[in-house]
């Protein structure tokens, strides 16, 4: 399968996913990015979002950013339905890749910490959005 260059699709959409929330970021992910924290700028965009809606930390971006347009809620992989690039990828294969990434490079329970963070810090834009449940998260990745 040809690797999708999200920049061809994300930049025209205005980087919707990078605005209005702070991603869940582990200490290891912050270290790879060389920053102490990720915050929102005055306009609500991610502090890593630079000129032309390009991520300044793209190569070392957090797992959450790599996962988009897939998200995790209540033990399920979900799709928010608001990403123009999603129609160009196989979401099931993307989930398989995310689970492999979690199994190989993240501590067991990372996905639970991620879901807990977002339950406690749910961005306002998601409170009104509908999402599609795609499948359950592999229980071997959970606490």
C-alpha atoms as a PDB file:
ATOM      1  CA  UNK A   1       0.000   0.000   0.000  1.00  0.00           C
ATOM      2  CA  UNK A   2       1.343   3.437  -0.983  1.00  0.00           C
ATOM      3  CA  UNK A   3       2.185   5.627   2.002  1.00  0.00           C
ATOM      4  CA  UNK A   4      -0.238   8.524   2.241  1.00  0.00           C
ATOM      5  CA  UNK A   5       1.304  11.955   2.576  1.00  0.00           C
ATOM      6  CA  UNK A   6      -1.165  13.579   4.948  1.00  0.00           C
ATOM      7  CA  UNK A   7       0.366  16.998   4.285  1.00  0.00           C
ATOM      8  CA  UNK A   8      -1.323  16.934   0.856  1.00  0.00           C
ATOM      9  CA  UNK A   9      -4.695  16.667   2.616  1.00  0.00           C
ATOM     10  CA  UNK A  10      -4.214  18.174   6.062  1.00  0.00           C
ATOM     11  CA  UNK A  11      -2.872  21.546   5.060  1.00  0.00           C
ATOM     12  CA  UNK A  12      -5.884  22.401   2.829  1.00  0.00           C
ATOM     13  CA  UNK A  13      -8.330  21.467   5.619  1.00  0.00           C
ATOM     14  CA  UNK A  14      -6.670  23.950   7.963  1.00  0.00           C
ATOM     15  CA  UNK A  15      -5.306  21.293  10.335  1.00  0.00           C
ATOM     16  CA  UNK A  16      -8.641  20.940  12.149  1.00  0.00           C
ATOM     17  CA  UNK A  17      -7.270  18.151  14.341  1.00  0.00           C
ATOM     18  CA  UNK A  18      -4.496  20.426  15.651  1.00  0.00           C
ATOM     19  CA  UNK A  19      -6.816  23.098  16.976  1.00  0.00           C
ATOM     20  CA  UNK A  20      -8.850  23.367  20.142  1.00  0.00           C
ATOM     21  CA  UNK A  21      -7.190  20.686  22.253  1.00  0.00           C
ATOM     22  CA  UNK A  22      -3.937  19.568  23.779  1.00  0.00           C
ATOM     23  CA  UNK A  23      -2.871  16.066  22.805  1.00  0.00           C
ATOM     24  CA  UNK A  24      -2.077  13.422  25.396  1.00  0.00           C
ATOM     25  CA  UNK A  25       1.719  13.336  25.552  1.00  0.00           C
ATOM     26  CA  UNK A  26       3.921  11.078  27.655  1.00  0.00           C
ATOM     27  CA  UNK A  27       7.202  12.210  29.193  1.00  0.00           C
ATOM     28  CA  UNK A  28       9.082  10.044  26.652  1.00  0.00           C
ATOM     29  CA  UNK A  29       7.213  11.721  23.787  1.00  0.00           C
ATOM     30  CA  UNK A  30       8.025  15.179  25.160  1.00  0.00           C
ATOM     31  CA  UNK A  31      11.691  14.195  25.425  1.00  0.00           C
ATOM     32  CA  UNK A  32      11.729  13.062  21.775  1.00  0.00           C
ATOM     33  CA  UNK A  33      10.210  16.399  20.784  1.00  0.00           C
ATOM     34  CA  UNK A  34      12.709  18.297  22.943  1.00  0.00           C
ATOM     35  CA  UNK A  35      10.003  20.271  24.757  1.00  0.00           C
ATOM     36  CA  UNK A  36       8.710  20.430  28.334  1.00  0.00           C
ATOM     37  CA  UNK A  37       5.054  20.520  27.345  1.00  0.00           C
ATOM     38  CA  UNK A  38       2.639  21.034  24.473  1.00  0.00           C
ATOM     39  CA  UNK A  39       0.113  23.779  24.927  1.00  0.00           C
ATOM     40  CA  UNK A  40      -2.376  25.799  22.947  1.00  0.00           C
ATOM     41  CA  UNK A  41      -1.420  29.095  21.361  1.00  0.00           C
ATOM     42  CA  UNK A  42      -3.699  32.126  21.715  1.00  0.00           C
ATOM     43  CA  UNK A  43      -5.637  31.071  18.588  1.00  0.00           C
ATOM     44  CA  UNK A  44      -6.331  27.617  20.100  1.00  0.00           C
ATOM     45  CA  UNK A  45      -3.885  25.741  17.885  1.00  0.00           C
ATOM     46  CA  UNK A  46      -1.229  23.319  19.092  1.00  0.00           C
ATOM     47  CA  UNK A  47       2.071  24.917  20.041  1.00  0.00           C
ATOM     48  CA  UNK A  48       3.752  22.613  17.498  1.00  0.00           C
ATOM     49  CA  UNK A  49       1.627  23.885  14.609  1.00  0.00           C
ATOM     50  CA  UNK A  50       3.814  26.143  12.498  1.00  0.00           C
ATOM     51  CA  UNK A  51       3.728  28.140   9.281  1.00  0.00           C
ATOM     52  CA  UNK A  52       1.351  26.833   6.642  1.00  0.00           C
ATOM     53  CA  UNK A  53      -0.356  24.500   9.158  1.00  0.00           C
ATOM     54  CA  UNK A  54       2.663  22.188   9.204  1.00  0.00           C
ATOM     55  CA  UNK A  55       3.729  20.413  12.399  1.00  0.00           C
ATOM     56  CA  UNK A  56       7.155  21.499  13.590  1.00  0.00           C
ATOM     57  CA  UNK A  57       7.603  18.189  15.431  1.00  0.00           C
ATOM     58  CA  UNK A  58       6.103  15.926  12.764  1.00  0.00           C
ATOM     59  CA  UNK A  59       8.817  13.230  12.767  1.00  0.00           C
ATOM     60  CA  UNK A  60       8.552  12.853  16.568  1.00  0.00           C
ATOM     61  CA  UNK A  61       4.861  13.698  16.969  1.00  0.00           C
ATOM     62  CA  UNK A  62       2.975  12.048  19.839  1.00  0.00           C
ATOM     63  CA  UNK A  63       1.091   8.797  19.387  1.00  0.00           C
ATOM     64  CA  UNK A  64      -2.239  10.651  19.449  1.00  0.00           C
ATOM     65  CA  UNK A  65      -1.196  12.725  16.447  1.00  0.00           C
ATOM     66  CA  UNK A  66      -0.017   9.607  14.613  1.00  0.00           C
ATOM     67  CA  UNK A  67      -3.337   7.919  15.360  1.00  0.00           C
ATOM     68  CA  UNK A  68      -5.570  10.604  13.877  1.00  0.00           C
ATOM     69  CA  UNK A  69      -8.178  10.260  12.353  1.00  0.00           C
ATOM     70  CA  UNK A  70      -8.616   7.263  14.640  1.00  0.00           C
ATOM     71  CA  UNK A  71      -9.242   7.861  18.314  1.00  0.00           C
ATOM     72  CA  UNK A  72      -9.884   5.696  21.364  1.00  0.00           C
ATOM     73  CA  UNK A  73     -12.920   6.035  23.617  1.00  0.00           C
ATOM     74  CA  UNK A  74     -14.456   3.654  26.143  1.00  0.00           C
ATOM     75  CA  UNK A  75     -12.353   0.682  25.045  1.00  0.00           C
ATOM     76  CA  UNK A  76     -13.089   1.136  21.343  1.00  0.00           C
ATOM     77  CA  UNK A  77     -11.335   2.494  18.307  1.00  0.00           C
ATOM     78  CA  UNK A  78     -13.500   5.232  16.882  1.00  0.00           C
ATOM     79  CA  UNK A  79     -13.586   7.582  13.907  1.00  0.00           C
ATOM     80  CA  UNK A  80     -14.872  11.124  14.308  1.00  0.00           C
ATOM     81  CA  UNK A  81     -15.875  11.408  10.657  1.00  0.00           C
ATOM     82  CA  UNK A  82     -14.356  14.835  10.128  1.00  0.00           C
ATOM     83  CA  UNK A  83     -11.057  14.137   8.381  1.00  0.00           C
ATOM     84  CA  UNK A  84     -10.855  14.649   4.630  1.00  0.00           C
ATOM     85  CA  UNK A  85      -7.802  12.385   4.357  1.00  0.00           C
ATOM     86  CA  UNK A  86      -9.597   9.451   6.018  1.00  0.00           C
ATOM     87  CA  UNK A  87     -11.359   8.513   2.803  1.00  0.00           C
ATOM     88  CA  UNK A  88      -7.934   7.823   1.290  1.00  0.00           C
ATOM     89  CA  UNK A  89      -6.757   5.303   3.870  1.00  0.00           C
ATOM     90  CA  UNK A  90      -7.806   1.865   5.058  1.00  0.00           C
ATOM     91  CA  UNK A  91      -8.963   2.634   8.606  1.00  0.00           C
ATOM     92  CA  UNK A  92      -8.783  -1.032   9.639  1.00  0.00           C
ATOM     93  CA  UNK A  93      -5.156  -1.270   8.493  1.00  0.00           C
ATOM     94  CA  UNK A  94      -4.444   2.005  10.284  1.00  0.00           C
ATOM     95  CA  UNK A  95      -5.826   0.514  13.516  1.00  0.00           C
ATOM     96  CA  UNK A  96      -3.685  -2.599  13.006  1.00  0.00           C
ATOM     97  CA  UNK A  97      -0.632  -0.327  12.672  1.00  0.00           C
ATOM     98  CA  UNK A  98      -1.600   1.629  15.791  1.00  0.00           C
ATOM     99  CA  UNK A  99      -1.969  -1.555  17.836  1.00  0.00           C
ATOM    100  CA  UNK A 100       1.387  -2.826  16.579  1.00  0.00           C
ATOM    101  CA  UNK A 101       2.988   0.517  17.474  1.00  0.00           C
ATOM    102  CA  UNK A 102       1.456   0.400  20.958  1.00  0.00           C
ATOM    103  CA  UNK A 103       2.524  -3.211  21.525  1.00  0.00           C
ATOM    104  CA  UNK A 104       6.107  -2.578  20.408  1.00  0.00           C
ATOM    105  CA  UNK A 105       6.966   0.863  21.696  1.00  0.00           C
ATOM    106  CA  UNK A 106       4.653   1.918  24.503  1.00  0.00           C
ATOM    107  CA  UNK A 107       4.151   0.659  28.055  1.00  0.00           C
ATOM    108  CA  UNK A 108       1.200  -1.621  28.682  1.00  0.00           C
ATOM    109  CA  UNK A 109      -1.742   0.514  29.694  1.00  0.00           C
ATOM    110  CA  UNK A 110      -0.662   3.575  27.675  1.00  0.00           C
ATOM    111  CA  UNK A 111      -3.966   3.437  25.792  1.00  0.00           C
ATOM    112  CA  UNK A 112      -5.887   3.396  29.096  1.00  0.00           C
ATOM    113  CA  UNK A 113      -3.947   6.452  30.299  1.00  0.00           C
ATOM    114  CA  UNK A 114      -4.762   8.104  26.970  1.00  0.00           C
ATOM    115  CA  UNK A 115      -8.484   7.368  27.302  1.00  0.00           C
ATOM    116  CA  UNK A 116      -8.508   8.517  30.952  1.00  0.00           C
ATOM    117  CA  UNK A 117      -6.814  11.788  29.969  1.00  0.00           C
ATOM    118  CA  UNK A 118      -9.395  12.523  27.299  1.00  0.00           C
ATOM    119  CA  UNK A 119     -12.317  11.606  29.494  1.00  0.00           C
ATOM    120  CA  UNK A 120     -11.082  14.157  32.035  1.00  0.00           C
ATOM    121  CA  UNK A 121     -10.061  16.781  29.429  1.00  0.00           C
ATOM    122  CA  UNK A 122     -12.667  16.356  26.713  1.00  0.00           C
ATOM    123  CA  UNK A 123     -12.389  19.227  24.214  1.00  0.00           C
ATOM    124  CA  UNK A 124     -15.623  21.149  23.692  1.00  0.00           C
ATOM    125  CA  UNK A 125     -15.564  20.404  19.967  1.00  0.00           C
ATOM    126  CA  UNK A 126     -15.963  16.685  20.715  1.00  0.00           C
ATOM    127  CA  UNK A 127     -18.935  17.067  23.041  1.00  0.00           C
ATOM    128  CA  UNK A 128     -21.202  17.751  20.071  1.00  0.00           C
ATOM    129  CA  UNK A 129     -19.501  15.554  17.455  1.00  0.00           C
ATOM    130  CA  UNK A 130     -20.817  12.139  16.519  1.00  0.00           C
ATOM    131  CA  UNK A 131     -18.368   9.295  16.082  1.00  0.00           C
ATOM    132  CA  UNK A 132     -18.401   5.835  14.569  1.00  0.00           C
ATOM    133  CA  UNK A 133     -17.224   2.857  16.644  1.00  0.00           C
ATOM    134  CA  UNK A 134     -14.913   0.795  14.440  1.00  0.00           C
ATOM    135  CA  UNK A 135     -13.905  -2.062  16.768  1.00  0.00           C
ATOM    136  CA  UNK A 136     -12.737  -2.910  20.269  1.00  0.00           C
ATOM    137  CA  UNK A 137      -9.187  -2.174  21.332  1.00  0.00           C
ATOM    138  CA  UNK A 138      -7.050  -5.294  21.621  1.00  0.00           C
ATOM    139  CA  UNK A 139      -7.397  -6.298  25.300  1.00  0.00           C
ATOM    140  CA  UNK A 140      -3.688  -7.240  25.440  1.00  0.00           C
ATOM    141  CA  UNK A 141      -2.867  -3.525  25.179  1.00  0.00           C
ATOM    142  CA  UNK A 142      -4.955  -2.597  28.188  1.00  0.00           C
ATOM    143  CA  UNK A 143      -4.213  -2.681  31.897  1.00  0.00           C
END
